[in-house]
Amino acid sequence: MALPTQIDPRKLALQGITLEGTVNVEDLPRLASSVTAIRGPLWASVQFKLDESRAKVATGNVKVLVETVCQRCLDPLEIELQADFAVQVIWSEDHLNRVASNYEPWLVVDKLASLSELLEDEILLALPLVNYHNVGECTGDTFMQEEEGAAGDEVVADNPFNVLLQLKK
C-alpha cells in the first residue's frame, strides 16, 4: 500500500493512527541524487500519537535498498538503508525550546505536511559517509595491508609507498 504524500500530522496524532506502506521512488529526488540507483520503493511504518505531555509525536522506521559505489574498488554496491526516528510536531520555530530531548523537531507550518520529505530526510541521515564491500568481496582488497606476517614483513602505516610494496610481493 502506498503512503500518502501529504498528511495532517496533528489530526493523525490525535487519532493515534499508524501508517504502513511504501513511498514511490519518484517522490525521493534527493535520495535519488545521492545514490547510483534506488532498488525498490521505500518502506515505512509511522505511528502518530500523543506522548505523556500531550505533545503530538510521530515515531517509526524506514528502510530502502539502494545501489551506490564502493569507494575501494569503484564497483556497484547494494546496501540496505534503515533508520528509526522519533519527531515532535511543532508549528512555529518559537516552539523549538518545547521539544522534548528524546524527539527531533518536525516543523509543520501549514495544516498539511509532506510525509515523503520527512521519510526521505531520515533515510538520507542513514547514508554512510563512505561505502565499502565486505572484506573478501571487494576487488580492491588487494590494496589492503595484510595483518598476518612476520615482524620483519610489517609495513609502517605512515609510508605512502606501502601499496607499491604490496604489489612487489
N, C-alpha and C. Protein backbone atom coordinates (compact mmCIF):
# COMPACT_ATOMS: atom_id res chain seq x y z
N MET A 1 0.84 -1.17 0.00
CA MET A 1 0.00 0.00 0.00
C MET A 1 0.89 1.24 0.00
N ALA A 2 0.55 2.19 -0.83
CA ALA A 2 1.33 3.42 -0.93
C ALA A 2 0.92 4.39 0.18
N LEU A 3 1.93 5.02 0.77
CA LEU A 3 1.67 6.03 1.80
C LEU A 3 1.24 7.33 1.14
N PRO A 4 0.39 8.11 1.80
CA PRO A 4 0.03 9.41 1.23
C PRO A 4 1.23 10.36 1.30
N THR A 5 1.33 11.24 0.33
CA THR A 5 2.45 12.18 0.34
C THR A 5 2.17 13.36 1.27
N GLN A 6 0.94 13.83 1.31
CA GLN A 6 0.55 14.95 2.17
C GLN A 6 -0.36 14.44 3.28
N ILE A 7 -0.04 14.80 4.52
CA ILE A 7 -0.83 14.36 5.67
C ILE A 7 -1.04 15.52 6.63
N ASP A 8 -1.99 15.37 7.53
CA ASP A 8 -2.19 16.30 8.64
C ASP A 8 -1.70 15.59 9.90
N PRO A 9 -0.43 15.81 10.30
CA PRO A 9 0.13 15.04 11.41
C PRO A 9 -0.54 15.31 12.75
N ARG A 10 -1.10 16.51 12.93
CA ARG A 10 -1.78 16.82 14.20
C ARG A 10 -3.04 15.97 14.35
N LYS A 11 -3.80 15.88 13.28
CA LYS A 11 -5.04 15.10 13.30
C LYS A 11 -4.73 13.61 13.47
N LEU A 12 -3.70 13.12 12.77
CA LEU A 12 -3.32 11.72 12.89
C LEU A 12 -2.85 11.39 14.31
N ALA A 13 -2.14 12.34 14.95
CA ALA A 13 -1.67 12.12 16.33
C ALA A 13 -2.83 12.08 17.30
N LEU A 14 -3.80 12.95 17.10
CA LEU A 14 -4.98 12.95 17.98
C LEU A 14 -5.77 11.65 17.86
N GLN A 15 -5.76 11.06 16.67
CA GLN A 15 -6.49 9.81 16.44
C GLN A 15 -5.65 8.57 16.74
N GLY A 16 -4.33 8.74 16.95
CA GLY A 16 -3.47 7.59 17.23
C GLY A 16 -3.32 6.64 16.06
N ILE A 17 -3.19 7.17 14.87
CA ILE A 17 -3.13 6.38 13.63
C ILE A 17 -1.71 5.87 13.37
N THR A 18 -1.63 4.65 12.85
CA THR A 18 -0.36 4.09 12.37
C THR A 18 -0.48 3.89 10.87
N LEU A 19 0.51 4.41 10.14
CA LEU A 19 0.56 4.26 8.69
C LEU A 19 1.72 3.33 8.33
N GLU A 20 1.44 2.36 7.47
CA GLU A 20 2.48 1.47 6.96
C GLU A 20 2.32 1.37 5.46
N GLY A 21 3.44 1.41 4.77
CA GLY A 21 3.37 1.29 3.32
C GLY A 21 4.65 1.73 2.66
N THR A 22 4.54 2.03 1.38
CA THR A 22 5.71 2.38 0.58
C THR A 22 5.59 3.80 0.03
N VAL A 23 6.75 4.33 -0.33
CA VAL A 23 6.84 5.63 -0.98
C VAL A 23 7.49 5.39 -2.34
N ASN A 24 6.90 5.93 -3.39
CA ASN A 24 7.43 5.74 -4.74
C ASN A 24 8.79 6.41 -4.90
N VAL A 25 9.61 5.83 -5.73
CA VAL A 25 10.95 6.35 -6.00
C VAL A 25 10.88 7.78 -6.55
N GLU A 26 9.85 8.09 -7.32
CA GLU A 26 9.71 9.43 -7.90
C GLU A 26 9.53 10.50 -6.84
N ASP A 27 9.08 10.11 -5.65
CA ASP A 27 8.87 11.07 -4.56
C ASP A 27 10.11 11.24 -3.69
N LEU A 28 11.26 10.70 -4.13
CA LEU A 28 12.51 10.77 -3.36
C LEU A 28 13.64 11.36 -4.21
N PRO A 29 13.49 12.59 -4.69
CA PRO A 29 14.50 13.13 -5.61
C PRO A 29 15.87 13.35 -4.96
N ARG A 30 15.90 13.74 -3.69
CA ARG A 30 17.20 13.99 -3.03
C ARG A 30 17.95 12.68 -2.79
N LEU A 31 17.24 11.63 -2.44
CA LEU A 31 17.88 10.33 -2.26
C LEU A 31 18.39 9.82 -3.60
N ALA A 32 17.59 9.99 -4.66
CA ALA A 32 17.99 9.54 -5.99
C ALA A 32 19.26 10.23 -6.46
N SER A 33 19.44 11.50 -6.09
CA SER A 33 20.65 12.21 -6.50
C SER A 33 21.85 11.87 -5.61
N SER A 34 21.62 11.23 -4.47
CA SER A 34 22.70 10.88 -3.55
C SER A 34 23.25 9.48 -3.75
N VAL A 35 22.54 8.65 -4.50
CA VAL A 35 22.98 7.27 -4.74
C VAL A 35 22.94 7.00 -6.24
N THR A 36 23.52 5.86 -6.64
CA THR A 36 23.51 5.49 -8.06
C THR A 36 22.10 5.11 -8.51
N ALA A 37 21.41 4.31 -7.69
CA ALA A 37 20.05 3.88 -8.03
C ALA A 37 19.31 3.48 -6.77
N ILE A 38 18.00 3.63 -6.80
CA ILE A 38 17.15 3.15 -5.71
C ILE A 38 16.53 1.85 -6.21
N ARG A 39 16.77 0.75 -5.50
CA ARG A 39 16.39 -0.59 -5.94
C ARG A 39 15.04 -1.04 -5.38
N GLY A 40 14.08 -0.19 -5.42
CA GLY A 40 12.75 -0.57 -4.94
C GLY A 40 12.15 0.56 -4.14
N PRO A 41 10.89 0.43 -3.82
CA PRO A 41 10.24 1.51 -3.07
C PRO A 41 10.75 1.58 -1.64
N LEU A 42 10.65 2.73 -1.07
CA LEU A 42 10.99 2.94 0.33
C LEU A 42 9.83 2.44 1.18
N TRP A 43 10.10 1.61 2.17
CA TRP A 43 9.06 1.08 3.05
C TRP A 43 9.16 1.80 4.38
N ALA A 44 8.00 2.16 4.95
CA ALA A 44 7.99 2.87 6.23
C ALA A 44 6.80 2.46 7.08
N SER A 45 6.99 2.57 8.37
CA SER A 45 5.93 2.40 9.35
C SER A 45 6.02 3.61 10.29
N VAL A 46 4.93 4.37 10.37
CA VAL A 46 4.92 5.60 11.17
C VAL A 46 3.72 5.57 12.11
N GLN A 47 3.99 5.75 13.39
CA GLN A 47 2.92 5.77 14.39
C GLN A 47 2.78 7.20 14.91
N PHE A 48 1.59 7.74 14.76
CA PHE A 48 1.28 9.08 15.27
C PHE A 48 0.54 8.92 16.59
N LYS A 49 0.92 9.72 17.59
CA LYS A 49 0.28 9.61 18.90
C LYS A 49 0.56 10.86 19.72
N LEU A 50 -0.10 10.93 20.87
CA LEU A 50 0.19 11.96 21.86
C LEU A 50 1.08 11.32 22.92
N ASP A 51 2.16 11.99 23.27
CA ASP A 51 3.02 11.42 24.32
C ASP A 51 2.49 11.80 25.70
N GLU A 52 3.23 11.47 26.73
CA GLU A 52 2.74 11.71 28.08
C GLU A 52 2.53 13.19 28.41
N SER A 53 3.19 14.08 27.71
CA SER A 53 2.98 15.52 27.93
C SER A 53 1.96 16.10 26.94
N ARG A 54 1.22 15.23 26.24
CA ARG A 54 0.19 15.60 25.27
C ARG A 54 0.77 16.27 24.01
N ALA A 55 2.07 16.09 23.78
CA ALA A 55 2.69 16.61 22.56
C ALA A 55 2.41 15.64 21.41
N LYS A 56 2.23 16.19 20.24
CA LYS A 56 1.95 15.38 19.06
C LYS A 56 3.28 14.87 18.50
N VAL A 57 3.43 13.54 18.46
CA VAL A 57 4.69 12.95 18.03
C VAL A 57 4.45 11.88 16.96
N ALA A 58 5.50 11.60 16.23
CA ALA A 58 5.49 10.52 15.24
C ALA A 58 6.76 9.72 15.42
N THR A 59 6.61 8.40 15.55
CA THR A 59 7.76 7.51 15.66
C THR A 59 7.63 6.42 14.62
N GLY A 60 8.74 5.85 14.26
CA GLY A 60 8.67 4.78 13.29
C GLY A 60 10.01 4.39 12.75
N ASN A 61 9.96 3.62 11.67
CA ASN A 61 11.19 3.23 10.99
C ASN A 61 10.96 3.23 9.49
N VAL A 62 12.07 3.29 8.79
CA VAL A 62 12.04 3.39 7.34
C VAL A 62 13.22 2.60 6.80
N LYS A 63 13.02 1.94 5.64
CA LYS A 63 14.13 1.22 5.02
C LYS A 63 13.96 1.19 3.50
N VAL A 64 15.10 1.10 2.84
CA VAL A 64 15.12 1.06 1.38
C VAL A 64 16.43 0.44 0.93
N LEU A 65 16.40 -0.24 -0.21
CA LEU A 65 17.60 -0.82 -0.80
C LEU A 65 18.09 0.12 -1.90
N VAL A 66 19.37 0.51 -1.81
CA VAL A 66 19.94 1.43 -2.79
C VAL A 66 21.22 0.84 -3.36
N GLU A 67 21.61 1.35 -4.51
CA GLU A 67 22.89 0.99 -5.10
C GLU A 67 23.77 2.22 -5.09
N THR A 68 24.99 2.03 -4.65
CA THR A 68 25.96 3.11 -4.61
C THR A 68 27.29 2.58 -5.13
N VAL A 69 28.37 3.31 -4.97
CA VAL A 69 29.67 2.92 -5.48
C VAL A 69 30.59 2.61 -4.31
N CYS A 70 31.26 1.46 -4.36
CA CYS A 70 32.26 1.11 -3.37
C CYS A 70 33.44 2.05 -3.52
N GLN A 71 33.86 2.67 -2.44
CA GLN A 71 34.94 3.65 -2.51
C GLN A 71 36.32 2.99 -2.60
N ARG A 72 36.38 1.67 -2.44
CA ARG A 72 37.65 0.97 -2.54
C ARG A 72 37.89 0.48 -3.97
N CYS A 73 36.86 -0.13 -4.59
CA CYS A 73 37.06 -0.73 -5.92
C CYS A 73 36.28 -0.02 -7.02
N LEU A 74 35.38 0.89 -6.65
CA LEU A 74 34.55 1.67 -7.58
C LEU A 74 33.53 0.81 -8.34
N ASP A 75 33.26 -0.39 -7.86
CA ASP A 75 32.22 -1.24 -8.42
C ASP A 75 30.89 -0.94 -7.74
N PRO A 76 29.77 -1.29 -8.37
CA PRO A 76 28.46 -1.08 -7.73
C PRO A 76 28.35 -1.87 -6.42
N LEU A 77 27.62 -1.30 -5.49
CA LEU A 77 27.43 -1.90 -4.17
C LEU A 77 26.00 -1.65 -3.73
N GLU A 78 25.27 -2.72 -3.40
CA GLU A 78 23.92 -2.58 -2.88
C GLU A 78 23.96 -2.58 -1.36
N ILE A 79 23.29 -1.60 -0.77
CA ILE A 79 23.20 -1.54 0.69
C ILE A 79 21.75 -1.26 1.08
N GLU A 80 21.35 -1.82 2.21
CA GLU A 80 20.02 -1.54 2.72
C GLU A 80 20.16 -0.46 3.79
N LEU A 81 19.49 0.64 3.53
CA LEU A 81 19.48 1.74 4.50
C LEU A 81 18.28 1.56 5.41
N GLN A 82 18.49 1.77 6.69
CA GLN A 82 17.41 1.63 7.66
C GLN A 82 17.58 2.69 8.73
N ALA A 83 16.48 3.28 9.15
CA ALA A 83 16.54 4.32 10.19
C ALA A 83 15.30 4.26 11.06
N ASP A 84 15.49 4.46 12.35
CA ASP A 84 14.40 4.64 13.30
C ASP A 84 14.35 6.13 13.62
N PHE A 85 13.17 6.65 13.83
CA PHE A 85 13.07 8.08 14.10
C PHE A 85 11.96 8.34 15.11
N ALA A 86 12.07 9.50 15.75
CA ALA A 86 11.06 9.99 16.69
C ALA A 86 11.05 11.52 16.58
N VAL A 87 9.95 12.07 16.09
CA VAL A 87 9.84 13.52 15.89
C VAL A 87 8.63 14.06 16.64
N GLN A 88 8.75 15.31 17.04
CA GLN A 88 7.64 16.01 17.68
C GLN A 88 7.18 17.11 16.74
N VAL A 89 5.88 17.16 16.50
CA VAL A 89 5.31 18.13 15.57
C VAL A 89 5.22 19.49 16.26
N ILE A 90 5.82 20.50 15.62
CA ILE A 90 5.69 21.88 16.09
C ILE A 90 5.25 22.73 14.92
N TRP A 91 4.59 23.84 15.17
CA TRP A 91 4.08 24.66 14.07
C TRP A 91 4.73 26.02 13.99
N SER A 92 5.73 26.27 14.83
CA SER A 92 6.45 27.53 14.77
C SER A 92 7.85 27.32 15.32
N GLU A 93 8.80 28.07 14.81
CA GLU A 93 10.17 27.98 15.33
C GLU A 93 10.24 28.46 16.78
N ASP A 94 9.24 29.21 17.21
CA ASP A 94 9.20 29.66 18.61
C ASP A 94 9.01 28.48 19.56
N HIS A 95 8.51 27.36 19.06
CA HIS A 95 8.25 26.19 19.90
C HIS A 95 9.43 25.21 19.94
N LEU A 96 10.56 25.56 19.34
CA LEU A 96 11.72 24.68 19.34
C LEU A 96 12.18 24.34 20.76
N ASN A 97 12.07 25.31 21.68
CA ASN A 97 12.52 25.06 23.05
C ASN A 97 11.57 24.13 23.81
N ARG A 98 10.40 23.86 23.26
CA ARG A 98 9.43 22.96 23.90
C ARG A 98 9.57 21.50 23.47
N VAL A 99 10.45 21.24 22.53
CA VAL A 99 10.63 19.87 22.03
C VAL A 99 11.39 19.06 23.08
N ALA A 100 10.84 17.93 23.43
CA ALA A 100 11.47 17.04 24.42
C ALA A 100 12.82 16.54 23.88
N SER A 101 13.71 16.21 24.79
CA SER A 101 15.06 15.83 24.39
C SER A 101 15.12 14.51 23.62
N ASN A 102 14.12 13.66 23.78
CA ASN A 102 14.13 12.38 23.06
C ASN A 102 13.46 12.46 21.68
N TYR A 103 13.09 13.65 21.24
CA TYR A 103 12.48 13.85 19.92
C TYR A 103 13.25 14.91 19.13
N GLU A 104 13.19 14.78 17.83
CA GLU A 104 13.67 15.81 16.93
C GLU A 104 12.47 16.66 16.54
N PRO A 105 12.66 17.96 16.30
CA PRO A 105 11.52 18.79 15.89
C PRO A 105 11.14 18.54 14.44
N TRP A 106 9.83 18.54 14.16
CA TRP A 106 9.31 18.46 12.80
C TRP A 106 8.43 19.69 12.63
N LEU A 107 8.95 20.68 11.95
CA LEU A 107 8.26 21.94 11.75
C LEU A 107 7.19 21.78 10.66
N VAL A 108 5.93 21.92 11.07
CA VAL A 108 4.79 21.82 10.16
C VAL A 108 4.06 23.16 10.24
N VAL A 109 4.33 24.04 9.30
CA VAL A 109 3.78 25.39 9.33
C VAL A 109 2.31 25.38 8.90
N ASP A 110 2.01 24.70 7.80
CA ASP A 110 0.64 24.62 7.31
C ASP A 110 -0.08 23.46 7.98
N LYS A 111 -1.33 23.29 7.62
CA LYS A 111 -2.10 22.17 8.15
C LYS A 111 -1.55 20.84 7.63
N LEU A 112 -1.15 20.81 6.36
CA LEU A 112 -0.64 19.60 5.73
C LEU A 112 0.89 19.61 5.71
N ALA A 113 1.46 18.43 5.83
CA ALA A 113 2.92 18.27 5.77
C ALA A 113 3.24 17.14 4.81
N SER A 114 4.46 17.17 4.30
CA SER A 114 4.90 16.14 3.36
C SER A 114 5.53 14.98 4.13
N LEU A 115 4.83 13.86 4.16
CA LEU A 115 5.35 12.67 4.82
C LEU A 115 6.55 12.12 4.07
N SER A 116 6.52 12.17 2.75
CA SER A 116 7.64 11.64 1.96
C SER A 116 8.92 12.43 2.21
N GLU A 117 8.82 13.74 2.45
CA GLU A 117 10.01 14.54 2.76
C GLU A 117 10.59 14.16 4.11
N LEU A 118 9.73 13.93 5.10
CA LEU A 118 10.20 13.51 6.42
C LEU A 118 10.93 12.17 6.31
N LEU A 119 10.32 11.21 5.62
CA LEU A 119 10.94 9.90 5.48
C LEU A 119 12.23 9.96 4.67
N GLU A 120 12.26 10.80 3.65
CA GLU A 120 13.47 10.97 2.85
C GLU A 120 14.58 11.60 3.70
N ASP A 121 14.24 12.57 4.53
CA ASP A 121 15.23 13.17 5.44
C ASP A 121 15.86 12.11 6.34
N GLU A 122 15.02 11.26 6.91
CA GLU A 122 15.51 10.25 7.84
C GLU A 122 16.41 9.23 7.14
N ILE A 123 16.06 8.83 5.93
CA ILE A 123 16.89 7.84 5.23
C ILE A 123 18.18 8.48 4.72
N LEU A 124 18.15 9.76 4.39
CA LEU A 124 19.39 10.45 3.99
C LEU A 124 20.37 10.52 5.16
N LEU A 125 19.85 10.69 6.36
CA LEU A 125 20.72 10.70 7.54
C LEU A 125 21.34 9.33 7.80
N ALA A 126 20.73 8.28 7.28
CA ALA A 126 21.25 6.93 7.47
C ALA A 126 22.31 6.55 6.43
N LEU A 127 22.50 7.38 5.42
CA LEU A 127 23.52 7.08 4.40
C LEU A 127 24.90 7.08 5.04
N PRO A 128 25.69 6.04 4.81
CA PRO A 128 27.05 6.04 5.36
C PRO A 128 27.92 7.08 4.65
N LEU A 129 28.90 7.60 5.37
CA LEU A 129 29.79 8.58 4.76
C LEU A 129 30.63 7.96 3.65
N VAL A 130 31.08 6.72 3.89
CA VAL A 130 31.91 6.01 2.93
C VAL A 130 31.34 4.60 2.77
N ASN A 131 31.24 4.13 1.55
CA ASN A 131 30.67 2.81 1.27
C ASN A 131 31.76 1.85 0.81
N TYR A 132 31.78 0.64 1.42
CA TYR A 132 32.72 -0.40 1.06
C TYR A 132 32.01 -1.73 0.96
N HIS A 133 32.53 -2.62 0.08
CA HIS A 133 32.11 -4.01 0.10
C HIS A 133 32.64 -4.65 1.39
N ASN A 134 32.09 -5.79 1.76
CA ASN A 134 32.65 -6.55 2.88
C ASN A 134 34.02 -7.06 2.49
N VAL A 135 34.89 -7.24 3.48
CA VAL A 135 36.23 -7.75 3.23
C VAL A 135 36.10 -9.15 2.61
N GLY A 136 36.82 -9.37 1.55
CA GLY A 136 36.77 -10.64 0.84
C GLY A 136 35.84 -10.60 -0.36
N GLU A 137 34.94 -9.62 -0.43
CA GLU A 137 34.02 -9.49 -1.56
C GLU A 137 34.43 -8.37 -2.50
N CYS A 138 35.45 -7.62 -2.13
CA CYS A 138 35.84 -6.42 -2.88
C CYS A 138 37.07 -6.70 -3.73
N THR A 139 37.05 -6.23 -4.97
CA THR A 139 38.22 -6.39 -5.82
C THR A 139 39.34 -5.45 -5.39
N GLY A 140 39.05 -4.49 -4.55
CA GLY A 140 40.06 -3.57 -4.04
C GLY A 140 40.76 -4.09 -2.80
N ASP A 141 40.45 -5.32 -2.36
CA ASP A 141 41.08 -5.89 -1.17
C ASP A 141 42.57 -6.10 -1.34
N THR A 142 43.05 -6.22 -2.57
CA THR A 142 44.47 -6.46 -2.80
C THR A 142 45.32 -5.28 -2.34
N PHE A 143 44.70 -4.12 -2.19
CA PHE A 143 45.45 -2.95 -1.77
C PHE A 143 45.44 -2.76 -0.26
N MET A 144 44.70 -3.63 0.46
CA MET A 144 44.67 -3.54 1.91
C MET A 144 45.90 -4.26 2.47
N GLN A 145 46.41 -3.76 3.59
CA GLN A 145 47.56 -4.40 4.21
C GLN A 145 47.14 -5.70 4.86
N GLU A 146 47.97 -6.72 4.72
CA GLU A 146 47.71 -7.99 5.38
C GLU A 146 48.10 -7.86 6.84
N GLU A 147 47.25 -8.41 7.72
CA GLU A 147 47.53 -8.33 9.15
C GLU A 147 48.48 -9.42 9.58
N GLU A 148 48.57 -10.50 8.80
CA GLU A 148 49.46 -11.59 9.17
C GLU A 148 50.83 -11.33 8.57
N GLY A 149 51.82 -12.03 9.08
CA GLY A 149 53.17 -11.89 8.55
C GLY A 149 54.16 -11.80 9.68
N ALA A 150 55.41 -12.01 9.35
CA ALA A 150 56.47 -11.95 10.35
C ALA A 150 56.72 -10.51 10.73
N ALA A 151 57.40 -10.32 11.84
CA ALA A 151 57.67 -8.97 12.32
C ALA A 151 58.51 -8.19 11.31
N GLY A 152 59.36 -8.88 10.58
CA GLY A 152 60.19 -8.20 9.59
C GLY A 152 59.39 -7.78 8.37
N ASP A 153 58.24 -8.41 8.13
CA ASP A 153 57.41 -8.09 6.97
C ASP A 153 56.42 -6.98 7.24
N GLU A 154 56.31 -6.53 8.49
CA GLU A 154 55.33 -5.50 8.80
C GLU A 154 55.66 -4.21 8.08
N VAL A 155 54.66 -3.56 7.61
CA VAL A 155 54.82 -2.33 6.85
C VAL A 155 54.37 -1.17 7.73
N VAL A 156 55.14 -0.11 7.73
CA VAL A 156 54.78 1.06 8.51
C VAL A 156 53.61 1.76 7.84
N ALA A 157 52.59 2.09 8.61
CA ALA A 157 51.35 2.64 8.05
C ALA A 157 51.54 4.05 7.48
N ASP A 158 52.56 4.78 7.94
CA ASP A 158 52.73 6.16 7.51
C ASP A 158 53.41 6.26 6.14
N ASN A 159 53.97 5.18 5.64
CA ASN A 159 54.71 5.20 4.40
C ASN A 159 53.74 5.25 3.22
N PRO A 160 53.82 6.27 2.36
CA PRO A 160 52.90 6.36 1.22
C PRO A 160 53.17 5.32 0.13
N PHE A 161 54.31 4.61 0.22
CA PHE A 161 54.65 3.62 -0.80
C PHE A 161 54.28 2.20 -0.38
N ASN A 162 53.44 2.07 0.65
CA ASN A 162 53.02 0.74 1.11
C ASN A 162 52.31 -0.05 0.02
N VAL A 163 51.55 0.63 -0.80
CA VAL A 163 50.83 -0.05 -1.88
C VAL A 163 51.83 -0.66 -2.86
N LEU A 164 52.89 0.09 -3.17
CA LEU A 164 53.91 -0.43 -4.10
C LEU A 164 54.61 -1.64 -3.50
N LEU A 165 54.86 -1.60 -2.19
CA LEU A 165 55.50 -2.73 -1.53
C LEU A 165 54.62 -3.97 -1.59
N GLN A 166 53.30 -3.78 -1.43
CA GLN A 166 52.38 -4.90 -1.52
C GLN A 166 52.35 -5.48 -2.93
N LEU A 167 52.42 -4.63 -3.93
CA LEU A 167 52.41 -5.10 -5.31
C LEU A 167 53.71 -5.83 -5.65
N LYS A 168 54.83 -5.38 -5.06
CA LYS A 168 56.10 -6.02 -5.30
C LYS A 168 56.13 -7.44 -4.78
N LYS A 169 55.40 -7.69 -3.67
CA LYS A 169 55.33 -9.05 -3.12
C LYS A 169 54.57 -9.90 -4.07
